[in-house]
Amino acid sequence: MKGKQIIEWLTVFVFLTIGCQSTVKQNGAVAVTVEPELKLTWEFLENNYQQKSQNLSHLTLKNVGNATLANSGWAIYFNWCRGLIPEQLPGMLTGKHLNGDFYQIAPTKDFPQLAPGDSIIIPVVGTHWQMNATDAPSGIYIVFSEESDKPLIQQLALSVKPVLKERAFIKEGDWIRYETVSYTHLTLPTKRIV
């Protein structure tokens, strides 16, 4: 009797597992969650970059798969509350503001092919300041062209290095965004409302 119950439970488990595959079909495109072949790392470097209200970060792409990442046929999409400044990307990439906080980065012919184990550091300039790791991009995925043998859409994980206070504000007074605004009138509340 116990052996029969175990087999029944295993059968139910297998059907539930197969039924919960992470595949979605929309407008003919298939999104499949697979192990990422690219490892992405985000590292904040500097606020007030070029003495403007913008920030500089590094996005590191590392090929952890078995196939070479070509210099065409793919694009990375992401959301970023800070706003990408596409014209500040290196010449090997193009950037595009698509809508709201939604952006695209794609390679040009100058992008080096990324062999397995290789990585590349991409300087990324964004609008405004980064104050915390939560200011890093989110919802990152890569889309391959239909000629590719990889899944059409692949979700990517982003590892975010912590924002170091000494990097967020390089020198005294860096926290002042605009010289024409006086911050001397700011005071802390003397009473706490409970």
Protein backbone atom coordinates (compact mmCIF):
# COMPACT_ATOMS: atom_id res chain seq x y z
CA MET A 1 0.00 0.00 0.00
CA LYS A 2 2.77 2.46 0.92
CA GLY A 3 4.68 1.77 -2.30
CA LYS A 4 1.57 2.53 -4.36
CA GLN A 5 1.05 5.88 -2.56
CA ILE A 6 4.67 6.86 -3.19
CA ILE A 7 4.29 6.09 -6.91
CA GLU A 8 1.04 8.11 -7.05
CA TRP A 9 2.69 11.10 -5.34
CA LEU A 10 5.72 10.90 -7.62
CA THR A 11 3.45 10.81 -10.67
CA VAL A 12 1.56 13.90 -9.46
CA PHE A 13 4.88 15.66 -8.71
CA VAL A 14 6.26 14.89 -12.18
CA PHE A 15 3.11 16.20 -13.91
CA LEU A 16 3.11 19.36 -11.79
CA THR A 17 6.79 19.94 -12.49
CA ILE A 18 6.35 19.50 -16.24
CA GLY A 19 3.24 21.71 -16.18
CA CYS A 20 5.15 24.53 -14.43
CA GLN A 21 7.87 24.96 -17.04
CA SER A 22 8.83 28.60 -17.48
CA THR A 23 7.85 28.98 -21.12
CA VAL A 24 5.65 31.80 -22.39
CA LYS A 25 4.50 32.32 -25.96
CA GLN A 26 3.65 35.85 -27.06
CA ASN A 27 3.30 37.04 -30.65
CA GLY A 28 5.25 34.04 -31.89
CA ALA A 29 8.22 34.68 -29.56
CA VAL A 30 9.07 32.04 -27.01
CA ALA A 31 10.62 33.02 -23.68
CA VAL A 32 12.50 30.15 -22.05
CA THR A 33 14.27 30.39 -18.74
CA VAL A 34 17.62 28.61 -19.06
CA GLU A 35 20.90 28.79 -17.24
CA PRO A 36 22.52 32.10 -18.25
CA GLU A 37 25.57 31.92 -20.47
CA LEU A 38 26.54 35.48 -19.62
CA LYS A 39 27.41 36.67 -16.16
CA LEU A 40 26.79 40.39 -15.66
CA THR A 41 28.30 42.49 -12.88
CA TRP A 42 27.40 46.11 -12.16
CA GLU A 43 29.86 48.35 -10.32
CA PHE A 44 29.18 51.98 -9.48
CA LEU A 45 32.29 54.16 -9.83
CA GLU A 46 31.52 57.86 -9.51
CA ASN A 47 28.85 60.54 -9.07
CA ASN A 48 29.26 64.01 -10.59
CA TYR A 49 31.00 62.35 -13.52
CA GLN A 50 32.53 65.03 -15.78
CA GLN A 51 31.30 67.63 -13.25
CA LYS A 52 27.70 67.01 -14.34
CA SER A 53 24.64 65.54 -12.65
CA GLN A 54 25.45 62.07 -13.93
CA ASN A 55 27.17 58.89 -12.77
CA LEU A 56 29.72 56.44 -14.14
CA SER A 57 29.47 52.67 -13.68
CA HIS A 58 31.03 49.58 -15.19
CA LEU A 59 28.99 46.72 -16.63
CA THR A 60 31.10 43.59 -16.94
CA LEU A 61 29.94 40.88 -19.36
CA LYS A 62 31.58 37.50 -18.81
CA ASN A 63 30.96 34.57 -21.12
CA VAL A 64 30.46 31.57 -18.83
CA GLY A 65 28.99 29.39 -21.60
CA ASN A 66 30.58 27.07 -24.13
CA ALA A 67 29.86 29.13 -27.25
CA THR A 68 31.37 32.42 -28.44
CA LEU A 69 29.18 35.51 -28.14
CA ALA A 70 29.20 37.08 -31.61
CA ASN A 71 29.47 40.79 -32.34
CA SER A 72 25.98 40.85 -33.88
CA GLY A 73 22.58 39.18 -33.59
CA TRP A 74 21.80 40.09 -29.98
CA ALA A 75 20.72 42.98 -27.77
CA ILE A 76 20.46 43.45 -24.01
CA TYR A 77 17.32 45.08 -22.59
CA PHE A 78 16.94 46.48 -19.07
CA ASN A 79 15.14 48.93 -16.83
CA TRP A 80 17.15 51.66 -15.13
CA CYS A 81 15.72 54.47 -13.05
CA ARG A 82 18.88 56.55 -13.57
CA GLY A 83 18.64 56.71 -17.34
CA LEU A 84 21.26 55.61 -19.85
CA ILE A 85 23.08 58.29 -21.84
CA PRO A 86 23.51 56.36 -25.14
CA GLU A 87 25.98 58.76 -26.76
CA GLN A 88 28.43 58.12 -23.90
CA LEU A 89 28.69 54.36 -24.62
CA PRO A 90 31.94 53.18 -26.23
CA GLY A 91 31.86 52.85 -30.05
CA MET A 92 31.53 49.06 -29.85
CA LEU A 93 27.94 49.47 -28.58
CA THR A 94 24.81 51.38 -29.43
CA GLY A 95 22.27 52.39 -26.83
CA LYS A 96 18.65 53.32 -27.17
CA HIS A 97 15.97 54.73 -24.88
CA LEU A 98 12.86 52.72 -25.72
CA ASN A 99 10.21 53.95 -23.29
CA GLY A 100 10.00 55.16 -19.68
CA ASP A 101 12.99 53.59 -17.91
CA PHE A 102 13.42 50.86 -20.54
CA TYR A 103 16.70 50.74 -22.52
CA GLN A 104 18.53 48.63 -25.09
CA ILE A 105 22.26 48.04 -25.63
CA ALA A 106 23.39 46.27 -28.83
CA PRO A 107 26.80 45.51 -30.33
CA THR A 108 28.29 47.18 -33.39
CA LYS A 109 30.77 45.52 -35.76
CA ASP A 110 33.53 46.84 -33.46
CA PHE A 111 32.36 44.71 -30.51
CA PRO A 112 34.92 41.93 -29.92
CA GLN A 113 33.62 38.39 -30.09
CA LEU A 114 33.52 37.04 -26.55
CA ALA A 115 35.02 33.55 -26.36
CA PRO A 116 34.14 31.21 -23.47
CA GLY A 117 35.80 32.49 -20.30
CA ASP A 118 36.43 35.98 -21.73
CA SER A 119 34.97 39.15 -20.26
CA ILE A 120 34.66 42.78 -21.23
CA ILE A 121 34.15 45.90 -19.09
CA ILE A 122 31.73 48.45 -20.52
CA PRO A 123 31.73 52.00 -19.09
CA VAL A 124 28.12 53.16 -18.69
CA VAL A 125 27.14 56.78 -18.00
CA GLY A 126 23.74 57.47 -16.50
CA THR A 127 21.73 60.52 -15.58
CA HIS A 128 21.63 61.78 -11.99
CA TRP A 129 23.34 60.10 -9.06
CA GLN A 130 23.54 56.56 -7.78
CA MET A 131 23.12 56.38 -4.04
CA ASN A 132 22.68 52.68 -3.39
CA ALA A 133 22.81 49.26 -5.00
CA THR A 134 19.07 49.60 -5.65
CA ASP A 135 19.92 52.27 -8.26
CA ALA A 136 21.46 49.58 -10.50
CA PRO A 137 19.61 48.33 -13.60
CA SER A 138 17.01 45.58 -13.20
CA GLY A 139 14.91 43.23 -15.33
CA ILE A 140 17.84 42.42 -17.59
CA TYR A 141 17.45 40.01 -20.50
CA ILE A 142 19.15 39.31 -23.81
CA VAL A 143 17.33 38.79 -27.10
CA PHE A 144 19.00 36.77 -29.84
CA SER A 145 18.04 37.11 -33.50
CA GLU A 146 16.01 34.31 -35.03
CA GLU A 147 19.05 33.00 -36.94
CA SER A 148 20.71 32.12 -33.64
CA ASP A 149 20.64 28.57 -32.27
CA LYS A 150 20.11 29.95 -28.75
CA PRO A 151 16.70 30.64 -27.19
CA LEU A 152 15.15 33.80 -28.55
CA ILE A 153 14.86 35.44 -25.11
CA GLN A 154 17.13 34.64 -22.16
CA GLN A 155 16.80 36.19 -18.72
CA LEU A 156 20.10 37.33 -17.19
CA ALA A 157 21.12 37.67 -13.56
CA LEU A 158 22.94 40.84 -12.53
CA SER A 159 25.42 40.81 -9.68
CA VAL A 160 25.65 44.27 -8.10
CA LYS A 161 28.73 45.31 -6.16
CA PRO A 162 27.88 47.45 -3.10
CA VAL A 163 28.06 51.23 -3.49
CA LEU A 164 30.92 52.45 -1.33
CA LYS A 165 30.28 55.75 0.45
CA GLU A 166 33.74 57.00 -0.45
CA ARG A 167 32.95 56.44 -4.14
CA ALA A 168 29.48 57.98 -4.06
CA PHE A 169 30.91 61.27 -2.83
CA ILE A 170 34.54 61.75 -3.73
CA LYS A 171 35.16 64.96 -1.81
CA GLU A 172 33.43 67.18 0.73
CA GLY A 173 30.47 69.00 -0.81
CA ASP A 174 29.86 66.49 -3.61
CA TRP A 175 26.41 65.84 -2.18
CA ILE A 176 25.36 69.36 -3.19
CA ARG A 177 23.61 68.87 -6.52
CA TYR A 178 23.23 72.50 -7.58
CA GLU A 179 25.44 75.40 -6.52
CA THR A 180 22.54 77.86 -6.75
CA VAL A 181 20.54 76.07 -4.04
CA SER A 182 21.22 76.78 -0.38
CA TYR A 183 21.14 73.70 1.84
CA THR A 184 21.76 75.57 5.10
CA HIS A 185 18.05 75.81 5.91
CA LEU A 186 17.68 72.03 6.23
CA THR A 187 17.24 70.89 9.82
CA LEU A 188 16.34 67.67 11.51
CA PRO A 189 12.98 67.43 13.31
CA THR A 190 13.23 67.95 17.07
CA LYS A 191 10.20 65.81 17.94
CA ARG A 192 9.24 62.40 16.78
CA ILE A 193 5.60 61.58 16.10
CA VAL A 194 4.62 58.21 17.49
